[in-house]
C-alpha atoms as a PDB file:
ATOM      1  CA  UNK A   1      39.329  17.728  79.154  1.00  0.00           C
ATOM      2  CA  UNK A   2      39.637  17.323  75.394  1.00  0.00           C
ATOM      3  CA  UNK A   3      42.728  19.504  75.393  1.00  0.00           C
ATOM      4  CA  UNK A   4      44.425  17.353  78.063  1.00  0.00           C
ATOM      5  CA  UNK A   5      43.534  14.167  76.217  1.00  0.00           C
ATOM      6  CA  UNK A   6      44.920  15.591  72.989  1.00  0.00           C
ATOM      7  CA  UNK A   7      48.133  16.595  74.752  1.00  0.00           C
ATOM      8  CA  UNK A   8      48.506  13.124  76.269  1.00  0.00           C
ATOM      9  CA  UNK A   9      48.054  11.473  72.867  1.00  0.00           C
ATOM     10  CA  UNK A  10      50.573  13.802  71.234  1.00  0.00           C
ATOM     11  CA  UNK A  11      53.003  13.271  74.106  1.00  0.00           C
ATOM     12  CA  UNK A  12      52.673   9.485  73.809  1.00  0.00           C
ATOM     13  CA  UNK A  13      53.369   9.447  70.079  1.00  0.00           C
ATOM     14  CA  UNK A  14      56.248  11.896  70.349  1.00  0.00           C
ATOM     15  CA  UNK A  15      57.997   9.778  72.997  1.00  0.00           C
ATOM     16  CA  UNK A  16      57.158   6.535  71.227  1.00  0.00           C
ATOM     17  CA  UNK A  17      60.410   6.486  69.231  1.00  0.00           C
ATOM     18  CA  UNK A  18      62.672   7.474  72.129  1.00  0.00           C
ATOM     19  CA  UNK A  19      63.044   3.846  73.153  1.00  0.00           C
ATOM     20  CA  UNK A  20      63.511   2.585  69.597  1.00  0.00           C
ATOM     21  CA  UNK A  21      65.937  -0.189  68.871  1.00  0.00           C
ATOM     22  CA  UNK A  22      69.321   0.137  67.251  1.00  0.00           C
ATOM     23  CA  UNK A  23      69.309   0.363  63.479  1.00  0.00           C
ATOM     24  CA  UNK A  24      70.695  -3.156  62.962  1.00  0.00           C
ATOM     25  CA  UNK A  25      68.835  -4.846  65.802  1.00  0.00           C
ATOM     26  CA  UNK A  26      66.336  -7.627  65.322  1.00  0.00           C
ATOM     27  CA  UNK A  27      63.196  -8.475  67.217  1.00  0.00           C
ATOM     28  CA  UNK A  28      61.186 -11.654  67.444  1.00  0.00           C
ATOM     29  CA  UNK A  29      57.413 -11.786  67.348  1.00  0.00           C
ATOM     30  CA  UNK A  30      55.574 -14.893  68.456  1.00  0.00           C
ATOM     31  CA  UNK A  31      52.717 -16.107  66.305  1.00  0.00           C
ATOM     32  CA  UNK A  32      50.624 -19.242  66.822  1.00  0.00           C
ATOM     33  CA  UNK A  33      53.238 -22.013  66.551  1.00  0.00           C
ATOM     34  CA  UNK A  34      56.232 -20.074  65.263  1.00  0.00           C
ATOM     35  CA  UNK A  35      58.413 -17.091  66.045  1.00  0.00           C
ATOM     36  CA  UNK A  36      59.026 -14.645  63.216  1.00  0.00           C
ATOM     37  CA  UNK A  37      62.135 -12.456  63.163  1.00  0.00           C
ATOM     38  CA  UNK A  38      61.844  -8.835  62.048  1.00  0.00           C
ATOM     39  CA  UNK A  39      64.339  -6.129  61.171  1.00  0.00           C
ATOM     40  CA  UNK A  40      63.141  -2.532  60.782  1.00  0.00           C
ATOM     41  CA  UNK A  41      59.536  -3.783  60.774  1.00  0.00           C
ATOM     42  CA  UNK A  42      60.111  -6.197  57.884  1.00  0.00           C
ATOM     43  CA  UNK A  43      59.711  -9.943  58.387  1.00  0.00           C
ATOM     44  CA  UNK A  44      62.888 -11.791  57.439  1.00  0.00           C
ATOM     45  CA  UNK A  45      62.870 -15.124  55.643  1.00  0.00           C
ATOM     46  CA  UNK A  46      64.857 -18.086  56.958  1.00  0.00           C
ATOM     47  CA  UNK A  47      67.508 -17.554  54.281  1.00  0.00           C
ATOM     48  CA  UNK A  48      67.941 -13.873  55.198  1.00  0.00           C
ATOM     49  CA  UNK A  49      68.226 -14.674  58.910  1.00  0.00           C
ATOM     50  CA  UNK A  50      70.789 -17.400  58.211  1.00  0.00           C
ATOM     51  CA  UNK A  51      72.755 -14.991  55.997  1.00  0.00           C
ATOM     52  CA  UNK A  52      72.583 -12.351  58.733  1.00  0.00           C
ATOM     53  CA  UNK A  53      73.871 -14.846  61.319  1.00  0.00           C
ATOM     54  CA  UNK A  54      76.679 -16.202  59.103  1.00  0.00           C
ATOM     55  CA  UNK A  55      79.524 -14.601  61.099  1.00  0.00           C
ATOM     56  CA  UNK A  56      78.055 -15.188  64.561  1.00  0.00           C
ATOM     57  CA  UNK A  57      78.138 -18.854  65.521  1.00  0.00           C
ATOM     58  CA  UNK A  58      76.032 -18.763  68.714  1.00  0.00           C
ATOM     59  CA  UNK A  59      72.891 -17.244  67.188  1.00  0.00           C
ATOM     60  CA  UNK A  60      73.389 -19.317  64.039  1.00  0.00           C
ATOM     61  CA  UNK A  61      73.464 -22.634  65.965  1.00  0.00           C
ATOM     62  CA  UNK A  62      70.427 -21.710  68.073  1.00  0.00           C
ATOM     63  CA  UNK A  63      68.482 -20.626  64.998  1.00  0.00           C
ATOM     64  CA  UNK A  64      69.372 -23.829  63.131  1.00  0.00           C
ATOM     65  CA  UNK A  65      68.162 -25.951  66.079  1.00  0.00           C
ATOM     66  CA  UNK A  66      65.013 -23.849  66.167  1.00  0.00           C
ATOM     67  CA  UNK A  67      64.366 -24.630  62.499  1.00  0.00           C
ATOM     68  CA  UNK A  68      64.990 -28.344  63.106  1.00  0.00           C
ATOM     69  CA  UNK A  69      62.535 -28.542  66.010  1.00  0.00           C
ATOM     70  CA  UNK A  70      59.874 -26.338  64.396  1.00  0.00           C
ATOM     71  CA  UNK A  71      58.364 -28.970  62.048  1.00  0.00           C
ATOM     72  CA  UNK A  72      59.063 -31.970  64.298  1.00  0.00           C
ATOM     73  CA  UNK A  73      57.119 -30.724  67.338  1.00  0.00           C
ATOM     74  CA  UNK A  74      53.635 -30.548  65.768  1.00  0.00           C
ATOM     75  CA  UNK A  75      54.129 -33.921  64.045  1.00  0.00           C
ATOM     76  CA  UNK A  76      55.057 -35.577  67.350  1.00  0.00           C
ATOM     77  CA  UNK A  77      52.077 -33.933  69.089  1.00  0.00           C
ATOM     78  CA  UNK A  78      49.670 -35.081  66.358  1.00  0.00           C
ATOM     79  CA  UNK A  79      51.117 -38.605  66.571  1.00  0.00           C
ATOM     80  CA  UNK A  80      50.496 -38.553  70.308  1.00  0.00           C
ATOM     81  CA  UNK A  81      46.895 -37.457  69.776  1.00  0.00           C
ATOM     82  CA  UNK A  82      46.439 -40.285  67.262  1.00  0.00           C
ATOM     83  CA  UNK A  83      47.918 -42.848  69.644  1.00  0.00           C
ATOM     84  CA  UNK A  84      45.686 -41.627  72.476  1.00  0.00           C
ATOM     85  CA  UNK A  85      42.596 -41.891  70.229  1.00  0.00           C
ATOM     86  CA  UNK A  86      43.539 -45.451  69.247  1.00  0.00           C
ATOM     87  CA  UNK A  87      44.040 -46.326  72.917  1.00  0.00           C
ATOM     88  CA  UNK A  88      40.672 -44.832  73.909  1.00  0.00           C
ATOM     89  CA  UNK A  89      38.869 -46.468  70.989  1.00  0.00           C
ATOM     90  CA  UNK A  90      40.117 -49.869  72.112  1.00  0.00           C
ATOM     91  CA  UNK A  91      39.791 -53.294  70.565  1.00  0.00           C
ATOM     92  CA  UNK A  92      36.514 -55.212  70.454  1.00  0.00           C
ATOM     93  CA  UNK A  93      36.506 -58.448  72.423  1.00  0.00           C
ATOM     94  CA  UNK A  94      33.928 -61.088  73.379  1.00  0.00           C
ATOM     95  CA  UNK A  95      33.799 -63.203  76.510  1.00  0.00           C
ATOM     96  CA  UNK A  96      31.502 -66.037  77.518  1.00  0.00           C
ATOM     97  CA  UNK A  97      30.036 -65.379  80.972  1.00  0.00           C
ATOM     98  CA  UNK A  98      27.405 -67.750  82.397  1.00  0.00           C
ATOM     99  CA  UNK A  99      26.889 -69.206  78.967  1.00  0.00           C
ATOM    100  CA  UNK A 100      26.192 -65.823  77.336  1.00  0.00           C
ATOM    101  CA  UNK A 101      28.424 -63.900  74.955  1.00  0.00           C
ATOM    102  CA  UNK A 102      29.341 -60.473  76.336  1.00  0.00           C
ATOM    103  CA  UNK A 103      30.901 -57.863  74.078  1.00  0.00           C
ATOM    104  CA  UNK A 104      33.393 -55.379  75.579  1.00  0.00           C
ATOM    105  CA  UNK A 105      36.387 -53.178  74.676  1.00  0.00           C
ATOM    106  CA  UNK A 106      40.003 -53.707  75.631  1.00  0.00           C
ATOM    107  CA  UNK A 107      41.660 -50.329  76.156  1.00  0.00           C
ATOM    108  CA  UNK A 108      45.416 -49.985  76.591  1.00  0.00           C
ATOM    109  CA  UNK A 109      46.494 -47.721  79.438  1.00  0.00           C
ATOM    110  CA  UNK A 110      50.117 -47.873  78.288  1.00  0.00           C
ATOM    111  CA  UNK A 111      49.195 -46.626  74.777  1.00  0.00           C
ATOM    112  CA  UNK A 112      47.119 -43.829  76.289  1.00  0.00           C
ATOM    113  CA  UNK A 113      49.972 -42.721  78.551  1.00  0.00           C
ATOM    114  CA  UNK A 114      52.458 -42.891  75.662  1.00  0.00           C
ATOM    115  CA  UNK A 115      50.095 -40.772  73.531  1.00  0.00           C
ATOM    116  CA  UNK A 116      49.756 -38.161  76.264  1.00  0.00           C
ATOM    117  CA  UNK A 117      53.533 -38.184  76.682  1.00  0.00           C
ATOM    118  CA  UNK A 118      54.025 -37.625  72.953  1.00  0.00           C
ATOM    119  CA  UNK A 119      51.577 -34.710  72.979  1.00  0.00           C
ATOM    120  CA  UNK A 120      53.430 -33.091  75.878  1.00  0.00           C
ATOM    121  CA  UNK A 121      56.800 -33.782  74.209  1.00  0.00           C
ATOM    122  CA  UNK A 122      55.633 -32.315  70.890  1.00  0.00           C
ATOM    123  CA  UNK A 123      54.315 -29.159  72.527  1.00  0.00           C
ATOM    124  CA  UNK A 124      57.601 -28.865  74.429  1.00  0.00           C
ATOM    125  CA  UNK A 125      59.500 -29.100  71.141  1.00  0.00           C
ATOM    126  CA  UNK A 126      57.392 -26.293  69.680  1.00  0.00           C
ATOM    127  CA  UNK A 127      58.017 -24.117  72.722  1.00  0.00           C
ATOM    128  CA  UNK A 128      61.755 -24.915  72.672  1.00  0.00           C
ATOM    129  CA  UNK A 129      61.883 -23.980  69.000  1.00  0.00           C
ATOM    130  CA  UNK A 130      60.317 -20.601  69.750  1.00  0.00           C
ATOM    131  CA  UNK A 131      62.608 -19.981  72.728  1.00  0.00           C
ATOM    132  CA  UNK A 132      65.690 -20.851  70.654  1.00  0.00           C
ATOM    133  CA  UNK A 133      64.650 -18.381  67.941  1.00  0.00           C
ATOM    134  CA  UNK A 134      64.047 -15.661  70.558  1.00  0.00           C
ATOM    135  CA  UNK A 135      67.358 -16.431  72.254  1.00  0.00           C
ATOM    136  CA  UNK A 136      69.228 -16.249  68.928  1.00  0.00           C
ATOM    137  CA  UNK A 137      67.800 -12.745  68.402  1.00  0.00           C
ATOM    138  CA  UNK A 138      68.777 -11.720  71.946  1.00  0.00           C
ATOM    139  CA  UNK A 139      72.346 -12.983  71.478  1.00  0.00           C
ATOM    140  CA  UNK A 140      72.668 -11.281  68.085  1.00  0.00           C
ATOM    141  CA  UNK A 141      71.417  -7.963  69.477  1.00  0.00           C
ATOM    142  CA  UNK A 142      73.804  -8.173  72.431  1.00  0.00           C
ATOM    143  CA  UNK A 143      76.720  -8.597  70.022  1.00  0.00           C
ATOM    144  CA  UNK A 144      75.900  -5.359  68.182  1.00  0.00           C
ATOM    145  CA  UNK A 145      78.140  -2.443  68.977  1.00  0.00           C
ATOM    146  CA  UNK A 146      76.317   0.388  70.704  1.00  0.00           C
ATOM    147  CA  UNK A 147      75.784   3.561  68.724  1.00  0.00           C
ATOM    148  CA  UNK A 148      77.661   6.572  70.097  1.00  0.00           C
ATOM    149  CA  UNK A 149      75.405   9.230  71.502  1.00  0.00           C
ATOM    150  CA  UNK A 150      75.773  12.650  69.935  1.00  0.00           C
ATOM    151  CA  UNK A 151      75.960  15.659  72.221  1.00  0.00           C
ATOM    152  CA  UNK A 152      75.978  13.624  75.390  1.00  0.00           C
ATOM    153  CA  UNK A 153      77.381  15.356  78.467  1.00  0.00           C
ATOM    154  CA  UNK A 154      78.121  13.140  81.401  1.00  0.00           C
ATOM    155  CA  UNK A 155      77.253  15.501  84.254  1.00  0.00           C
ATOM    156  CA  UNK A 156      74.278  17.304  82.781  1.00  0.00           C
ATOM    157  CA  UNK A 157      70.797  16.574  84.020  1.00  0.00           C
ATOM    158  CA  UNK A 158      67.422  17.868  83.068  1.00  0.00           C
ATOM    159  CA  UNK A 159      66.273  20.646  85.346  1.00  0.00           C
ATOM    160  CA  UNK A 160      62.907  21.453  83.821  1.00  0.00           C
ATOM    161  CA  UNK A 161      60.750  20.206  80.946  1.00  0.00           C
ATOM    162  CA  UNK A 162      57.803  22.135  79.623  1.00  0.00           C
ATOM    163  CA  UNK A 163      55.453  20.770  76.990  1.00  0.00           C
ATOM    164  CA  UNK A 164      52.538  22.665  75.581  1.00  0.00           C
ATOM    165  CA  UNK A 165      51.154  25.224  73.201  1.00  0.00           C
ATOM    166  CA  UNK A 166      53.516  28.063  72.243  1.00  0.00           C
ATOM    167  CA  UNK A 167      52.391  31.683  71.762  1.00  0.00           C
ATOM    168  CA  UNK A 168      52.215  31.040  67.996  1.00  0.00           C
ATOM    169  CA  UNK A 169      49.680  28.192  68.572  1.00  0.00           C
ATOM    170  CA  UNK A 170      52.199  25.438  67.845  1.00  0.00           C
ATOM    171  CA  UNK A 171      53.086  22.454  70.010  1.00  0.00           C
ATOM    172  CA  UNK A 172      56.554  22.515  71.488  1.00  0.00           C
ATOM    173  CA  UNK A 173      59.023  21.474  74.188  1.00  0.00           C
ATOM    174  CA  UNK A 174      61.247  23.542  76.416  1.00  0.00           C
ATOM    175  CA  UNK A 175      64.060  21.656  78.158  1.00  0.00           C
ATOM    176  CA  UNK A 176      66.323  23.333  80.676  1.00  0.00           C
ATOM    177  CA  UNK A 177      69.587  21.571  81.594  1.00  0.00           C
ATOM    178  CA  UNK A 178      71.547  22.087  84.788  1.00  0.00           C
END
């Protein structure tokens, strides 16, 4: 059992880089309210991404809009929360009923609905900012020229693959092509 588990772990890590990205490709990673762009495992700053996108107008425009919406969205959402709190807090008022003073609160439904709308709009701006950043990465990667495969034969197919321990107690592969 331990031997099979060890072989599965080794097999997983050996095939892990088969599906690796192209050398110049980017990838986006979503964090709490932002999307960070990485190249070769290194997080790129806004200036480096803009410099990288300088010759490609589609990703550059999407990334610029992403950077515009990124700080605006949370501010709008916080403003909406503040407006909703003010609406729920209400305004103190007094009325005379049957000769007695009665204290009550006047709450504005329109302010509450506007606050909720601003919260939803702000969160939508944050999500749009993240989607624009991701889309700029996707467009940039699609514009990259594919790397030529070395030793590729069109009509060959794999007949047999063997993975295991060799007679010299090493780990190895045996691939037989048709």
